[in-house]
Amino acid sequence: MISIPNYKDINAKTVVFDLNGTLAVDGKVDNEIKDLLNELNKKYNIVVLTADTFGTIRREFEGSDIIIEIIKNTEEKMNKAKKHAPYIGVGNGNNDINMLKNAELGIAVIGKEGCSIKTLLSADIVVNNIMDAIYLLLNEKRMIATLRK
């Protein structure tokens, strides 16, 4: 549990990530990000929800313990995320809005593809890139410093 003074307690044991625009650019996940996800996977269960637009998800995470779920639409994405509640949600696009709203903690990633304004407004925290998001989760005191009141 992460106790954030005068904000709330976060009980999530799972982090649900969007793939394209969040973890990946054009369906490819940088090796440094994969290494950080493997480190984060020691602390949280990691789930990646994706429509797999580029057809790369299985290859990108082959041999890892990361849970991959292929989705068809925004509604299915939300329903699959809810199965992992309570969770921390990380995304950047319009199809991530409800995932972030229903998360105990929502993190919007601007990244190379940018971030939908509606997604940004649905998040608790906004970061410049996915590595910043993962480092926040690895070093929870950063999160506390950002969210405490």
C-alpha atoms as a PDB file:
ATOM      1  CA  MET A   1       0.000   0.000   0.000  1.00  0.00           C
ATOM      2  CA  ILE A   2       1.114   3.540  -0.765  1.00  0.00           C
ATOM      3  CA  SER A   3      -0.229   6.064   1.710  1.00  0.00           C
ATOM      4  CA  ILE A   4      -0.325   9.552   0.223  1.00  0.00           C
ATOM      5  CA  PRO A   5      -0.903  12.165   2.952  1.00  0.00           C
ATOM      6  CA  ASN A   6      -4.196  14.045   2.622  1.00  0.00           C
ATOM      7  CA  TYR A   7      -4.845  12.415  -0.767  1.00  0.00           C
ATOM      8  CA  LYS A   8      -5.601   8.676  -0.561  1.00  0.00           C
ATOM      9  CA  ASP A   9      -4.163   5.219  -0.049  1.00  0.00           C
ATOM     10  CA  ILE A  10      -3.250   3.201  -3.137  1.00  0.00           C
ATOM     11  CA  ASN A  11      -3.801  -0.540  -2.658  1.00  0.00           C
ATOM     12  CA  ALA A  12      -3.180  -1.649  -6.250  1.00  0.00           C
ATOM     13  CA  LYS A  13      -1.079  -4.718  -6.887  1.00  0.00           C
ATOM     14  CA  THR A  14      -1.385  -4.423 -10.673  1.00  0.00           C
ATOM     15  CA  VAL A  15      -0.308  -1.802 -13.206  1.00  0.00           C
ATOM     16  CA  VAL A  16      -2.329  -1.797 -16.428  1.00  0.00           C
ATOM     17  CA  PHE A  17      -0.500  -0.267 -19.395  1.00  0.00           C
ATOM     18  CA  ASP A  18      -1.668   0.760 -22.830  1.00  0.00           C
ATOM     19  CA  LEU A  19       0.805  -0.337 -25.530  1.00  0.00           C
ATOM     20  CA  ASN A  20       0.993   2.004 -28.528  1.00  0.00           C
ATOM     21  CA  GLY A  21       1.855   5.579 -27.681  1.00  0.00           C
ATOM     22  CA  THR A  22       2.458   4.621 -24.054  1.00  0.00           C
ATOM     23  CA  LEU A  23       4.941   1.727 -23.890  1.00  0.00           C
ATOM     24  CA  ALA A  24       5.658   1.467 -27.599  1.00  0.00           C
ATOM     25  CA  VAL A  25       6.228   3.640 -30.632  1.00  0.00           C
ATOM     26  CA  ASP A  26       5.005   2.043 -33.860  1.00  0.00           C
ATOM     27  CA  GLY A  27       4.563  -1.255 -32.006  1.00  0.00           C
ATOM     28  CA  LYS A  28       8.179  -1.434 -30.779  1.00  0.00           C
ATOM     29  CA  VAL A  29       9.159  -1.311 -27.111  1.00  0.00           C
ATOM     30  CA  ASP A  30      12.640  -0.018 -26.329  1.00  0.00           C
ATOM     31  CA  ASN A  31      14.874  -2.560 -24.537  1.00  0.00           C
ATOM     32  CA  GLU A  32      15.489  -0.131 -21.676  1.00  0.00           C
ATOM     33  CA  ILE A  33      11.739   0.098 -21.104  1.00  0.00           C
ATOM     34  CA  LYS A  34      11.476  -3.710 -21.139  1.00  0.00           C
ATOM     35  CA  ASP A  35      14.221  -3.896 -18.502  1.00  0.00           C
ATOM     36  CA  LEU A  36      12.387  -1.359 -16.331  1.00  0.00           C
ATOM     37  CA  LEU A  37       9.112  -3.274 -16.746  1.00  0.00           C
ATOM     38  CA  ASN A  38      10.834  -6.467 -15.610  1.00  0.00           C
ATOM     39  CA  GLU A  39      12.079  -4.573 -12.540  1.00  0.00           C
ATOM     40  CA  LEU A  40       8.590  -3.188 -11.900  1.00  0.00           C
ATOM     41  CA  ASN A  41       7.162  -6.697 -12.313  1.00  0.00           C
ATOM     42  CA  LYS A  42       8.936  -7.652  -9.055  1.00  0.00           C
ATOM     43  CA  LYS A  43       6.712  -5.145  -7.256  1.00  0.00           C
ATOM     44  CA  TYR A  44       3.455  -5.244  -9.250  1.00  0.00           C
ATOM     45  CA  ASN A  45       1.663  -7.535 -11.669  1.00  0.00           C
ATOM     46  CA  ILE A  46       2.063  -5.979 -15.112  1.00  0.00           C
ATOM     47  CA  VAL A  47      -0.761  -6.111 -17.669  1.00  0.00           C
ATOM     48  CA  VAL A  48      -0.604  -4.683 -21.195  1.00  0.00           C
ATOM     49  CA  LEU A  49      -3.921  -4.035 -22.945  1.00  0.00           C
ATOM     50  CA  THR A  50      -3.704  -3.464 -26.684  1.00  0.00           C
ATOM     51  CA  ALA A  51      -5.506  -3.778 -29.983  1.00  0.00           C
ATOM     52  CA  ASP A  52      -2.046  -4.774 -31.276  1.00  0.00           C
ATOM     53  CA  THR A  53      -2.344  -2.425 -34.248  1.00  0.00           C
ATOM     54  CA  PHE A  54       1.170  -3.277 -35.471  1.00  0.00           C
ATOM     55  CA  GLY A  55       0.962  -7.035 -34.707  1.00  0.00           C
ATOM     56  CA  THR A  56       4.083  -6.931 -32.526  1.00  0.00           C
ATOM     57  CA  ILE A  57       2.898  -7.519 -28.952  1.00  0.00           C
ATOM     58  CA  ARG A  58       3.678 -11.233 -28.660  1.00  0.00           C
ATOM     59  CA  ARG A  59       7.163 -10.801 -30.103  1.00  0.00           C
ATOM     60  CA  GLU A  60       7.899  -7.722 -27.982  1.00  0.00           C
ATOM     61  CA  PHE A  61       7.147  -9.511 -24.701  1.00  0.00           C
ATOM     62  CA  GLU A  62       8.100 -13.074 -25.611  1.00  0.00           C
ATOM     63  CA  GLY A  63       9.529 -14.911 -22.598  1.00  0.00           C
ATOM     64  CA  SER A  64       8.414 -12.329 -20.025  1.00  0.00           C
ATOM     65  CA  ASP A  65       5.941 -12.684 -17.148  1.00  0.00           C
ATOM     66  CA  ILE A  66       3.968  -9.690 -18.365  1.00  0.00           C
ATOM     67  CA  ILE A  67       0.268 -10.403 -18.957  1.00  0.00           C
ATOM     68  CA  ILE A  68      -0.868  -9.451 -22.455  1.00  0.00           C
ATOM     69  CA  GLU A  69      -4.526  -9.011 -23.330  1.00  0.00           C
ATOM     70  CA  ILE A  70      -5.672  -8.194 -26.856  1.00  0.00           C
ATOM     71  CA  ILE A  71      -8.725  -5.931 -26.998  1.00  0.00           C
ATOM     72  CA  LYS A  72     -11.061  -4.961 -29.833  1.00  0.00           C
ATOM     73  CA  ASN A  73     -12.394  -1.619 -28.609  1.00  0.00           C
ATOM     74  CA  THR A  74     -12.482   0.932 -25.798  1.00  0.00           C
ATOM     75  CA  GLU A  75     -15.314  -0.797 -23.933  1.00  0.00           C
ATOM     76  CA  GLU A  76     -13.473  -4.119 -23.922  1.00  0.00           C
ATOM     77  CA  LYS A  77     -10.315  -2.327 -22.746  1.00  0.00           C
ATOM     78  CA  MET A  78     -12.198  -0.911 -19.762  1.00  0.00           C
ATOM     79  CA  ASN A  79     -13.792  -4.266 -18.927  1.00  0.00           C
ATOM     80  CA  LYS A  80     -10.432  -6.064 -19.044  1.00  0.00           C
ATOM     81  CA  ALA A  81      -8.822  -3.371 -16.885  1.00  0.00           C
ATOM     82  CA  LYS A  82     -11.623  -3.718 -14.305  1.00  0.00           C
ATOM     83  CA  LYS A  83     -10.771  -7.425 -13.938  1.00  0.00           C
ATOM     84  CA  HIS A  84      -7.473  -6.307 -12.378  1.00  0.00           C
ATOM     85  CA  ALA A  85      -8.986  -3.817  -9.909  1.00  0.00           C
ATOM     86  CA  PRO A  86      -7.666  -2.227  -7.856  1.00  0.00           C
ATOM     87  CA  TYR A  87      -5.053  -1.169 -10.400  1.00  0.00           C
ATOM     88  CA  ILE A  88      -2.853   1.696 -11.503  1.00  0.00           C
ATOM     89  CA  GLY A  89      -3.562   2.714 -15.108  1.00  0.00           C
ATOM     90  CA  VAL A  90      -1.037   4.161 -17.554  1.00  0.00           C
ATOM     91  CA  GLY A  91      -2.052   5.467 -20.971  1.00  0.00           C
ATOM     92  CA  ASN A  92      -2.106   8.313 -23.472  1.00  0.00           C
ATOM     93  CA  GLY A  93      -5.052   8.020 -25.856  1.00  0.00           C
ATOM     94  CA  ASN A  94      -8.790   8.568 -25.947  1.00  0.00           C
ATOM     95  CA  ASN A  95      -9.305   4.822 -25.538  1.00  0.00           C
ATOM     96  CA  ASP A  96      -7.506   5.064 -22.169  1.00  0.00           C
ATOM     97  CA  ILE A  97      -9.790   7.676 -20.568  1.00  0.00           C
ATOM     98  CA  ASN A  98     -12.101   5.261 -18.727  1.00  0.00           C
ATOM     99  CA  MET A  99      -9.187   3.012 -17.812  1.00  0.00           C
ATOM    100  CA  LEU A 100      -7.536   5.979 -16.055  1.00  0.00           C
ATOM    101  CA  LYS A 101     -10.770   7.252 -14.485  1.00  0.00           C
ATOM    102  CA  ASN A 102     -11.482   3.840 -12.938  1.00  0.00           C
ATOM    103  CA  ALA A 103      -7.921   3.266 -11.734  1.00  0.00           C
ATOM    104  CA  GLU A 104      -6.881   3.905  -8.148  1.00  0.00           C
ATOM    105  CA  LEU A 105      -4.183   6.020  -9.727  1.00  0.00           C
ATOM    106  CA  GLY A 106      -4.160   7.187 -13.344  1.00  0.00           C
ATOM    107  CA  ILE A 107      -0.947   8.218 -15.071  1.00  0.00           C
ATOM    108  CA  ALA A 108      -1.083   9.965 -18.452  1.00  0.00           C
ATOM    109  CA  VAL A 109       2.016   9.727 -20.632  1.00  0.00           C
ATOM    110  CA  ILE A 110       2.696  12.444 -23.198  1.00  0.00           C
ATOM    111  CA  GLY A 111       5.454  10.560 -25.072  1.00  0.00           C
ATOM    112  CA  LYS A 112       6.339  10.758 -28.754  1.00  0.00           C
ATOM    113  CA  GLU A 113       2.734  10.354 -29.901  1.00  0.00           C
ATOM    114  CA  GLY A 114       1.459  13.010 -27.526  1.00  0.00           C
ATOM    115  CA  CYS A 115      -1.502  12.648 -25.187  1.00  0.00           C
ATOM    116  CA  SER A 116      -5.191  13.279 -25.698  1.00  0.00           C
ATOM    117  CA  ILE A 117      -6.356  16.316 -23.700  1.00  0.00           C
ATOM    118  CA  LYS A 118      -9.302  14.314 -22.328  1.00  0.00           C
ATOM    119  CA  THR A 119      -6.933  11.570 -21.198  1.00  0.00           C
ATOM    120  CA  LEU A 120      -4.634  14.128 -19.604  1.00  0.00           C
ATOM    121  CA  LEU A 121      -7.592  15.566 -17.657  1.00  0.00           C
ATOM    122  CA  SER A 122      -8.620  12.050 -16.522  1.00  0.00           C
ATOM    123  CA  ALA A 123      -5.242  11.333 -14.903  1.00  0.00           C
ATOM    124  CA  ASP A 124      -3.949  11.932 -11.395  1.00  0.00           C
ATOM    125  CA  ILE A 125      -0.403  12.459 -12.682  1.00  0.00           C
ATOM    126  CA  VAL A 126       0.974  13.483 -16.082  1.00  0.00           C
ATOM    127  CA  VAL A 127       4.525  12.574 -17.132  1.00  0.00           C
ATOM    128  CA  ASN A 128       6.669  13.382 -20.161  1.00  0.00           C
ATOM    129  CA  ASN A 129       7.497   9.797 -21.105  1.00  0.00           C
ATOM    130  CA  ILE A 130       6.979   6.182 -20.116  1.00  0.00           C
ATOM    131  CA  MET A 131      10.288   5.927 -18.303  1.00  0.00           C
ATOM    132  CA  ASP A 132       9.209   8.737 -15.959  1.00  0.00           C
ATOM    133  CA  ALA A 133       5.992   6.813 -15.252  1.00  0.00           C
ATOM    134  CA  ILE A 134       7.854   3.590 -14.458  1.00  0.00           C
ATOM    135  CA  TYR A 135      10.387   5.398 -12.262  1.00  0.00           C
ATOM    136  CA  LEU A 136       7.471   6.963 -10.339  1.00  0.00           C
ATOM    137  CA  LEU A 137       6.155   3.476  -9.641  1.00  0.00           C
ATOM    138  CA  LEU A 138       9.578   2.130  -8.703  1.00  0.00           C
ATOM    139  CA  ASN A 139      10.241   5.052  -6.351  1.00  0.00           C
ATOM    140  CA  GLU A 140       6.907   5.686  -4.650  1.00  0.00           C
ATOM    141  CA  LYS A 141       8.236   8.675  -2.701  1.00  0.00           C
ATOM    142  CA  ARG A 142       8.206  10.604  -5.998  1.00  0.00           C
ATOM    143  CA  MET A 143       4.489   9.851  -6.280  1.00  0.00           C
ATOM    144  CA  ILE A 144       3.890  10.920  -2.705  1.00  0.00           C
ATOM    145  CA  ALA A 145       5.775  14.185  -3.291  1.00  0.00           C
ATOM    146  CA  THR A 146       3.639  14.919  -6.358  1.00  0.00           C
ATOM    147  CA  LEU A 147       0.207  14.063  -4.903  1.00  0.00           C
ATOM    148  CA  ARG A 148       0.312  14.962  -1.221  1.00  0.00           C
ATOM    149  CA  LYS A 149      -1.771  17.921  -0.132  1.00  0.00           C
END
